[in-house]
Amino acid sequence: MEKNDSMIVDKGLPIGKTKHITADGITDIKNDLNWYLVIEAESHDAAAKLFVAHPHLDIPQAYIEVMEIPSGTGM
């Protein structure tokens, strides 16, 4: 976090239970997401490269997903 602090827009929070909503109603579902973090980088690829040596990846079967927020969304 300290190394890339200047790129962090939102340090995030844990993500809790998930609801799935369709025209048929609301159901509880489970996904593997458990935290979010918002960073600003020159590109999607540049953002992904920031996490290549992240300590979280030392956990067996751990992974990190980097999702792009398209420009013009207010972030």
N, C-alpha and C. Protein backbone atom coordinates (compact mmCIF):
# COMPACT_ATOMS: atom_id res chain seq x y z
N MET A 1 0.83 -1.19 0.00
CA MET A 1 0.00 0.00 0.00
C MET A 1 0.87 1.25 0.00
N GLU A 2 1.92 1.25 0.82
CA GLU A 2 2.77 2.43 0.89
C GLU A 2 3.48 2.71 -0.43
N LYS A 3 3.95 1.65 -1.09
CA LYS A 3 4.67 1.80 -2.34
C LYS A 3 3.83 2.49 -3.41
N ASN A 4 2.56 2.18 -3.47
CA ASN A 4 1.68 2.71 -4.51
C ASN A 4 0.63 3.68 -3.95
N ASP A 5 0.90 4.26 -2.80
CA ASP A 5 -0.07 5.12 -2.13
C ASP A 5 -0.57 6.27 -3.02
N SER A 6 0.30 6.82 -3.86
CA SER A 6 -0.12 7.95 -4.70
C SER A 6 -1.16 7.56 -5.74
N MET A 7 -1.31 6.25 -6.02
CA MET A 7 -2.26 5.79 -7.02
C MET A 7 -3.59 5.36 -6.41
N ILE A 8 -3.65 5.27 -5.09
CA ILE A 8 -4.86 4.78 -4.42
C ILE A 8 -5.88 5.91 -4.30
N VAL A 9 -7.05 5.68 -4.87
CA VAL A 9 -8.16 6.63 -4.83
C VAL A 9 -9.06 6.32 -3.63
N ASP A 10 -9.27 5.02 -3.36
CA ASP A 10 -10.14 4.58 -2.28
C ASP A 10 -9.53 3.30 -1.72
N LYS A 11 -9.16 3.28 -0.44
CA LYS A 11 -8.51 2.11 0.17
C LYS A 11 -9.47 0.96 0.40
N GLY A 12 -10.73 1.17 0.12
CA GLY A 12 -11.71 0.09 0.14
C GLY A 12 -12.14 -0.37 1.51
N LEU A 13 -12.96 -1.39 1.48
CA LEU A 13 -13.54 -2.02 2.66
C LEU A 13 -13.82 -3.47 2.35
N PRO A 14 -14.03 -4.29 3.39
CA PRO A 14 -14.47 -5.65 3.12
C PRO A 14 -15.85 -5.63 2.43
N ILE A 15 -16.08 -6.61 1.62
CA ILE A 15 -17.37 -6.75 0.92
C ILE A 15 -18.14 -7.88 1.59
N GLY A 16 -19.39 -7.64 1.89
CA GLY A 16 -20.19 -8.61 2.63
C GLY A 16 -21.06 -9.50 1.75
N LYS A 17 -22.16 -9.92 2.31
CA LYS A 17 -23.08 -10.83 1.66
C LYS A 17 -23.60 -10.25 0.35
N THR A 18 -23.98 -11.12 -0.57
CA THR A 18 -24.39 -10.71 -1.91
C THR A 18 -25.84 -11.11 -2.17
N LYS A 19 -26.59 -10.22 -2.77
CA LYS A 19 -27.96 -10.51 -3.22
C LYS A 19 -27.97 -10.50 -4.75
N HIS A 20 -28.68 -11.43 -5.34
CA HIS A 20 -28.83 -11.54 -6.79
C HIS A 20 -30.28 -11.20 -7.12
N ILE A 21 -30.47 -10.17 -7.94
CA ILE A 21 -31.82 -9.69 -8.23
C ILE A 21 -32.13 -9.91 -9.70
N THR A 22 -33.25 -10.57 -9.98
CA THR A 22 -33.73 -10.76 -11.35
C THR A 22 -35.22 -10.41 -11.37
N ALA A 23 -35.83 -10.52 -12.52
CA ALA A 23 -37.26 -10.27 -12.64
C ALA A 23 -38.06 -11.28 -11.81
N ASP A 24 -37.43 -12.43 -11.48
CA ASP A 24 -38.11 -13.47 -10.71
C ASP A 24 -37.98 -13.28 -9.20
N GLY A 25 -37.16 -12.32 -8.76
CA GLY A 25 -37.04 -12.08 -7.33
C GLY A 25 -35.60 -11.90 -6.87
N ILE A 26 -35.43 -12.03 -5.56
CA ILE A 26 -34.15 -11.81 -4.91
C ILE A 26 -33.70 -13.11 -4.25
N THR A 27 -32.42 -13.48 -4.48
CA THR A 27 -31.86 -14.67 -3.84
C THR A 27 -30.49 -14.32 -3.26
N ASP A 28 -30.11 -15.05 -2.22
CA ASP A 28 -28.77 -14.93 -1.66
C ASP A 28 -27.83 -15.76 -2.51
N ILE A 29 -26.67 -15.20 -2.85
CA ILE A 29 -25.66 -15.95 -3.59
C ILE A 29 -24.31 -15.75 -2.93
N LYS A 30 -23.33 -16.53 -3.34
CA LYS A 30 -21.98 -16.42 -2.83
C LYS A 30 -21.05 -16.19 -4.01
N ASN A 31 -20.11 -15.25 -3.83
CA ASN A 31 -19.05 -15.08 -4.81
C ASN A 31 -17.73 -15.02 -4.05
N ASP A 32 -16.61 -14.96 -4.77
CA ASP A 32 -15.30 -14.98 -4.13
C ASP A 32 -14.76 -13.60 -3.79
N LEU A 33 -15.52 -12.55 -4.09
CA LEU A 33 -15.04 -11.19 -3.80
C LEU A 33 -15.13 -10.92 -2.30
N ASN A 34 -14.05 -10.35 -1.73
CA ASN A 34 -14.10 -10.08 -0.29
C ASN A 34 -13.52 -8.71 0.09
N TRP A 35 -13.04 -7.92 -0.88
CA TRP A 35 -12.49 -6.60 -0.60
C TRP A 35 -12.46 -5.82 -1.90
N TYR A 36 -12.54 -4.53 -1.81
CA TYR A 36 -12.35 -3.71 -3.00
C TYR A 36 -11.33 -2.63 -2.70
N LEU A 37 -10.67 -2.16 -3.73
CA LEU A 37 -9.67 -1.10 -3.66
C LEU A 37 -9.74 -0.37 -4.99
N VAL A 38 -9.74 0.94 -4.98
CA VAL A 38 -9.80 1.73 -6.21
C VAL A 38 -8.46 2.42 -6.39
N ILE A 39 -7.83 2.18 -7.54
CA ILE A 39 -6.58 2.85 -7.87
C ILE A 39 -6.73 3.59 -9.19
N GLU A 40 -5.84 4.53 -9.42
CA GLU A 40 -5.81 5.24 -10.69
C GLU A 40 -4.48 4.92 -11.35
N ALA A 41 -4.54 4.39 -12.56
CA ALA A 41 -3.34 4.02 -13.31
C ALA A 41 -3.49 4.49 -14.75
N GLU A 42 -2.38 4.46 -15.48
CA GLU A 42 -2.40 4.93 -16.86
C GLU A 42 -3.21 4.01 -17.78
N SER A 43 -3.33 2.74 -17.42
CA SER A 43 -4.09 1.79 -18.23
C SER A 43 -4.52 0.61 -17.36
N HIS A 44 -5.39 -0.20 -17.92
CA HIS A 44 -5.85 -1.41 -17.23
C HIS A 44 -4.66 -2.35 -17.01
N ASP A 45 -3.82 -2.49 -18.03
CA ASP A 45 -2.62 -3.34 -17.91
C ASP A 45 -1.67 -2.81 -16.84
N ALA A 46 -1.47 -1.50 -16.80
CA ALA A 46 -0.59 -0.91 -15.78
C ALA A 46 -1.13 -1.17 -14.38
N ALA A 47 -2.43 -1.09 -14.22
CA ALA A 47 -3.05 -1.35 -12.92
C ALA A 47 -2.82 -2.81 -12.52
N ALA A 48 -2.99 -3.73 -13.44
CA ALA A 48 -2.80 -5.15 -13.14
C ALA A 48 -1.36 -5.43 -12.74
N LYS A 49 -0.41 -4.81 -13.40
CA LYS A 49 1.00 -5.06 -13.11
C LYS A 49 1.38 -4.62 -11.70
N LEU A 50 0.65 -3.70 -11.11
CA LEU A 50 0.93 -3.27 -9.74
C LEU A 50 0.78 -4.40 -8.73
N PHE A 51 0.00 -5.41 -9.07
CA PHE A 51 -0.33 -6.47 -8.12
C PHE A 51 0.41 -7.78 -8.36
N VAL A 52 1.34 -7.80 -9.32
CA VAL A 52 2.05 -9.03 -9.67
C VAL A 52 2.77 -9.65 -8.48
N ALA A 53 3.40 -8.88 -7.64
CA ALA A 53 4.15 -9.42 -6.49
C ALA A 53 3.43 -9.14 -5.17
N HIS A 54 2.13 -8.98 -5.20
CA HIS A 54 1.36 -8.66 -3.99
C HIS A 54 1.44 -9.82 -2.99
N PRO A 55 1.64 -9.54 -1.70
CA PRO A 55 1.74 -10.59 -0.68
C PRO A 55 0.50 -11.48 -0.59
N HIS A 56 -0.66 -10.97 -0.98
CA HIS A 56 -1.89 -11.78 -0.98
C HIS A 56 -1.72 -13.03 -1.83
N LEU A 57 -0.90 -12.94 -2.86
CA LEU A 57 -0.72 -14.07 -3.78
C LEU A 57 0.12 -15.20 -3.17
N ASP A 58 0.68 -14.98 -1.98
CA ASP A 58 1.38 -16.05 -1.27
C ASP A 58 0.41 -17.04 -0.64
N ILE A 59 -0.85 -16.67 -0.55
CA ILE A 59 -1.89 -17.55 -0.01
C ILE A 59 -2.26 -18.56 -1.10
N PRO A 60 -2.23 -19.86 -0.77
CA PRO A 60 -2.58 -20.87 -1.79
C PRO A 60 -3.94 -20.59 -2.42
N GLN A 61 -4.01 -20.67 -3.72
CA GLN A 61 -5.22 -20.48 -4.54
C GLN A 61 -5.75 -19.05 -4.51
N ALA A 62 -5.01 -18.11 -3.94
CA ALA A 62 -5.46 -16.72 -3.91
C ALA A 62 -5.29 -16.09 -5.29
N TYR A 63 -6.10 -15.10 -5.57
CA TYR A 63 -5.98 -14.36 -6.82
C TYR A 63 -6.49 -12.95 -6.60
N ILE A 64 -6.13 -12.10 -7.54
CA ILE A 64 -6.58 -10.71 -7.52
C ILE A 64 -7.19 -10.43 -8.89
N GLU A 65 -8.35 -9.81 -8.91
CA GLU A 65 -8.97 -9.40 -10.16
C GLU A 65 -8.92 -7.89 -10.25
N VAL A 66 -8.55 -7.38 -11.42
CA VAL A 66 -8.49 -5.94 -11.65
C VAL A 66 -9.57 -5.61 -12.67
N MET A 67 -10.56 -4.83 -12.25
CA MET A 67 -11.66 -4.44 -13.11
C MET A 67 -11.55 -2.96 -13.45
N GLU A 68 -11.77 -2.65 -14.68
CA GLU A 68 -11.70 -1.27 -15.15
C GLU A 68 -13.00 -0.51 -14.87
N ILE A 69 -12.86 0.71 -14.42
CA ILE A 69 -14.01 1.62 -14.32
C ILE A 69 -13.91 2.52 -15.53
N PRO A 70 -14.81 2.39 -16.49
CA PRO A 70 -14.74 3.21 -17.71
C PRO A 70 -14.75 4.70 -17.40
N SER A 71 -14.05 5.45 -18.22
CA SER A 71 -14.02 6.91 -18.02
C SER A 71 -15.43 7.49 -18.16
N GLY A 72 -15.64 8.63 -17.53
CA GLY A 72 -16.93 9.27 -17.58
C GLY A 72 -17.90 8.78 -16.53
N THR A 73 -17.42 7.94 -15.58
CA THR A 73 -18.32 7.44 -14.53
C THR A 73 -18.20 8.22 -13.24
N GLY A 74 -17.41 9.29 -13.25
CA GLY A 74 -17.30 10.13 -12.07
C GLY A 74 -16.19 9.76 -11.14
N MET A 75 -15.43 8.74 -11.42
CA MET A 75 -14.30 8.36 -10.56
C MET A 75 -13.04 9.05 -11.02
